[in-house]
Amino acid sequence: MDIIFKEESYKIIGSCMKVQMQLGAGFLESVYQEALEKQFIKDGIPYIREKILKIQFDGDNLKKLLRLTLFVLIK
């Protein structure tokens, strides 16, 4: 199986692992979000915080929206 954006994927996963290894388990999502944002900045990973996306079904926009905590930008 080929990984799309292999280098970028490894870099993102590495940032996540750094946060997990340092903080461990048991915190609220907001703590991990803040720590991961700091790690993304350190690692030079561009991202958007709290990106809202519309969801389409059968050509129509649904009322519900998808809220992404962190949306990583890949060139």
N, C-alpha and C. Protein backbone atom coordinates (compact mmCIF):
# COMPACT_ATOMS: atom_id res chain seq x y z
N MET A 1 0.85 -1.18 0.00
CA MET A 1 0.00 0.00 0.00
C MET A 1 0.89 1.24 0.00
N ASP A 2 0.65 2.12 -0.94
CA ASP A 2 1.41 3.36 -1.02
C ASP A 2 0.80 4.42 -0.11
N ILE A 3 1.66 5.15 0.56
CA ILE A 3 1.21 6.24 1.42
C ILE A 3 1.26 7.53 0.62
N ILE A 4 0.14 8.22 0.56
CA ILE A 4 0.10 9.52 -0.11
C ILE A 4 0.77 10.54 0.79
N PHE A 5 1.60 11.40 0.22
CA PHE A 5 2.33 12.41 1.00
C PHE A 5 3.12 11.74 2.13
N LYS A 6 3.94 10.76 1.76
CA LYS A 6 4.67 9.94 2.73
C LYS A 6 5.51 10.76 3.70
N GLU A 7 6.34 11.65 3.19
CA GLU A 7 7.21 12.45 4.07
C GLU A 7 6.40 13.31 5.03
N GLU A 8 5.36 13.96 4.50
CA GLU A 8 4.51 14.81 5.33
C GLU A 8 3.78 13.99 6.39
N SER A 9 3.31 12.81 5.99
CA SER A 9 2.61 11.93 6.94
C SER A 9 3.51 11.52 8.09
N TYR A 10 4.76 11.15 7.78
CA TYR A 10 5.69 10.76 8.82
C TYR A 10 6.00 11.93 9.75
N LYS A 11 6.11 13.11 9.19
CA LYS A 11 6.40 14.30 10.00
C LYS A 11 5.24 14.60 10.96
N ILE A 12 4.00 14.49 10.46
CA ILE A 12 2.82 14.73 11.29
C ILE A 12 2.71 13.69 12.39
N ILE A 13 2.90 12.43 12.02
CA ILE A 13 2.83 11.34 13.02
C ILE A 13 3.93 11.52 14.06
N GLY A 14 5.11 11.94 13.62
CA GLY A 14 6.21 12.20 14.56
C GLY A 14 5.85 13.27 15.57
N SER A 15 5.21 14.33 15.12
CA SER A 15 4.77 15.40 16.03
C SER A 15 3.76 14.87 17.04
N CYS A 16 2.82 14.06 16.56
CA CYS A 16 1.81 13.47 17.45
C CYS A 16 2.45 12.56 18.49
N MET A 17 3.43 11.79 18.05
CA MET A 17 4.11 10.88 18.99
C MET A 17 4.89 11.64 20.05
N LYS A 18 5.52 12.76 19.66
CA LYS A 18 6.25 13.58 20.64
C LYS A 18 5.30 14.08 21.73
N VAL A 19 4.11 14.54 21.31
CA VAL A 19 3.13 15.04 22.27
C VAL A 19 2.67 13.90 23.18
N GLN A 20 2.34 12.74 22.60
CA GLN A 20 1.86 11.61 23.38
C GLN A 20 2.92 11.12 24.36
N MET A 21 4.17 11.05 23.91
CA MET A 21 5.24 10.56 24.80
C MET A 21 5.48 11.51 25.96
N GLN A 22 5.35 12.81 25.71
CA GLN A 22 5.62 13.78 26.77
C GLN A 22 4.44 13.92 27.73
N LEU A 23 3.21 13.95 27.21
CA LEU A 23 2.05 14.16 28.07
C LEU A 23 1.47 12.85 28.61
N GLY A 24 1.54 11.79 27.83
CA GLY A 24 0.92 10.54 28.24
C GLY A 24 -0.59 10.62 28.07
N ALA A 25 -1.29 9.74 28.75
CA ALA A 25 -2.74 9.65 28.62
C ALA A 25 -3.44 10.37 29.76
N GLY A 26 -4.73 10.66 29.55
CA GLY A 26 -5.56 11.15 30.64
C GLY A 26 -5.98 12.60 30.59
N PHE A 27 -5.49 13.37 29.63
CA PHE A 27 -5.87 14.77 29.54
C PHE A 27 -7.07 14.96 28.63
N LEU A 28 -7.70 16.10 28.74
CA LEU A 28 -8.79 16.46 27.83
C LEU A 28 -8.22 16.74 26.44
N GLU A 29 -9.08 16.61 25.44
CA GLU A 29 -8.66 16.85 24.06
C GLU A 29 -8.05 18.23 23.89
N SER A 30 -8.58 19.23 24.60
CA SER A 30 -8.07 20.60 24.45
C SER A 30 -6.61 20.72 24.86
N VAL A 31 -6.16 19.91 25.80
CA VAL A 31 -4.76 19.93 26.23
C VAL A 31 -3.88 19.38 25.11
N TYR A 32 -4.29 18.26 24.53
CA TYR A 32 -3.52 17.67 23.43
C TYR A 32 -3.52 18.59 22.22
N GLN A 33 -4.64 19.26 21.97
CA GLN A 33 -4.73 20.18 20.85
C GLN A 33 -3.71 21.31 21.01
N GLU A 34 -3.68 21.91 22.18
CA GLU A 34 -2.74 23.02 22.41
C GLU A 34 -1.29 22.54 22.29
N ALA A 35 -1.00 21.38 22.86
CA ALA A 35 0.36 20.85 22.81
C ALA A 35 0.74 20.51 21.36
N LEU A 36 -0.19 19.94 20.61
CA LEU A 36 0.10 19.57 19.22
C LEU A 36 0.30 20.81 18.35
N GLU A 37 -0.46 21.87 18.62
CA GLU A 37 -0.25 23.12 17.89
C GLU A 37 1.17 23.64 18.14
N LYS A 38 1.61 23.61 19.38
CA LYS A 38 2.97 24.06 19.71
C LYS A 38 4.01 23.19 19.01
N GLN A 39 3.76 21.88 18.96
CA GLN A 39 4.70 20.97 18.32
C GLN A 39 4.70 21.17 16.81
N PHE A 40 3.53 21.38 16.21
CA PHE A 40 3.47 21.67 14.77
C PHE A 40 4.29 22.91 14.43
N ILE A 41 4.20 23.94 15.26
CA ILE A 41 4.97 25.16 15.03
C ILE A 41 6.46 24.86 15.11
N LYS A 42 6.88 24.12 16.14
CA LYS A 42 8.29 23.74 16.29
C LYS A 42 8.79 22.94 15.09
N ASP A 43 7.93 22.05 14.59
CA ASP A 43 8.32 21.16 13.49
C ASP A 43 8.06 21.75 12.11
N GLY A 44 7.56 23.00 12.07
CA GLY A 44 7.34 23.67 10.79
C GLY A 44 6.20 23.07 9.98
N ILE A 45 5.18 22.57 10.65
CA ILE A 45 4.02 21.99 9.97
C ILE A 45 2.91 23.02 9.93
N PRO A 46 2.53 23.48 8.74
CA PRO A 46 1.45 24.48 8.64
C PRO A 46 0.09 23.84 8.90
N TYR A 47 -0.77 24.56 9.61
CA TYR A 47 -2.09 24.02 9.94
C TYR A 47 -3.09 25.16 10.10
N ILE A 48 -4.35 24.78 10.09
CA ILE A 48 -5.44 25.71 10.39
C ILE A 48 -6.17 25.14 11.60
N ARG A 49 -6.49 26.00 12.54
CA ARG A 49 -7.19 25.59 13.75
C ARG A 49 -8.70 25.70 13.53
N GLU A 50 -9.43 24.66 13.97
CA GLU A 50 -10.90 24.65 13.95
C GLU A 50 -11.48 24.97 12.57
N LYS A 51 -11.09 24.21 11.58
CA LYS A 51 -11.60 24.37 10.22
C LYS A 51 -13.00 23.76 10.13
N ILE A 52 -13.94 24.52 9.56
CA ILE A 52 -15.32 24.06 9.39
C ILE A 52 -15.53 23.70 7.91
N LEU A 53 -16.04 22.50 7.67
CA LEU A 53 -16.31 22.05 6.31
C LEU A 53 -17.78 21.71 6.12
N LYS A 54 -18.30 22.04 4.96
CA LYS A 54 -19.66 21.66 4.61
C LYS A 54 -19.66 20.20 4.17
N ILE A 55 -20.75 19.52 4.43
CA ILE A 55 -20.90 18.13 4.02
C ILE A 55 -22.00 18.06 2.98
N GLN A 56 -21.70 17.41 1.87
CA GLN A 56 -22.71 17.27 0.83
C GLN A 56 -23.19 15.83 0.75
N PHE A 57 -24.48 15.71 0.49
CA PHE A 57 -25.08 14.40 0.26
C PHE A 57 -26.05 14.53 -0.90
N ASP A 58 -25.85 13.71 -1.89
CA ASP A 58 -26.73 13.68 -3.06
C ASP A 58 -26.87 15.06 -3.69
N GLY A 59 -25.75 15.81 -3.71
CA GLY A 59 -25.74 17.12 -4.34
C GLY A 59 -26.23 18.27 -3.49
N ASP A 60 -26.67 17.99 -2.28
CA ASP A 60 -27.18 19.03 -1.37
C ASP A 60 -26.27 19.16 -0.15
N ASN A 61 -26.14 20.39 0.36
CA ASN A 61 -25.41 20.60 1.61
C ASN A 61 -26.27 20.15 2.77
N LEU A 62 -25.67 19.40 3.69
CA LEU A 62 -26.37 19.01 4.91
C LEU A 62 -26.34 20.16 5.90
N LYS A 63 -27.27 20.15 6.84
CA LYS A 63 -27.30 21.19 7.87
C LYS A 63 -26.11 21.04 8.82
N LYS A 64 -25.72 19.81 9.09
CA LYS A 64 -24.59 19.55 9.98
C LYS A 64 -23.29 19.88 9.26
N LEU A 65 -22.35 20.43 10.01
CA LEU A 65 -21.04 20.77 9.48
C LEU A 65 -19.99 19.88 10.14
N LEU A 66 -18.87 19.70 9.46
CA LEU A 66 -17.76 18.94 10.02
C LEU A 66 -16.76 19.92 10.59
N ARG A 67 -16.47 19.80 11.88
CA ARG A 67 -15.52 20.68 12.55
C ARG A 67 -14.23 19.91 12.81
N LEU A 68 -13.17 20.32 12.14
CA LEU A 68 -11.86 19.69 12.30
C LEU A 68 -11.07 20.48 13.34
N THR A 69 -10.58 19.79 14.35
CA THR A 69 -9.82 20.45 15.40
C THR A 69 -8.56 21.09 14.82
N LEU A 70 -7.78 20.30 14.09
CA LEU A 70 -6.59 20.82 13.40
C LEU A 70 -6.60 20.27 11.97
N PHE A 71 -6.39 21.16 11.02
CA PHE A 71 -6.39 20.80 9.61
C PHE A 71 -5.00 21.12 9.08
N VAL A 72 -4.24 20.07 8.74
CA VAL A 72 -2.86 20.25 8.29
C VAL A 72 -2.86 20.61 6.81
N LEU A 73 -2.07 21.59 6.46
CA LEU A 73 -1.94 22.04 5.08
C LEU A 73 -0.76 21.35 4.42
N ILE A 74 -1.03 20.66 3.32
CA ILE A 74 0.02 19.99 2.57
C ILE A 74 0.06 20.58 1.19
N LYS A 75 1.24 20.91 0.74
CA LYS A 75 1.41 21.55 -0.58
C LYS A 75 1.08 20.59 -1.70
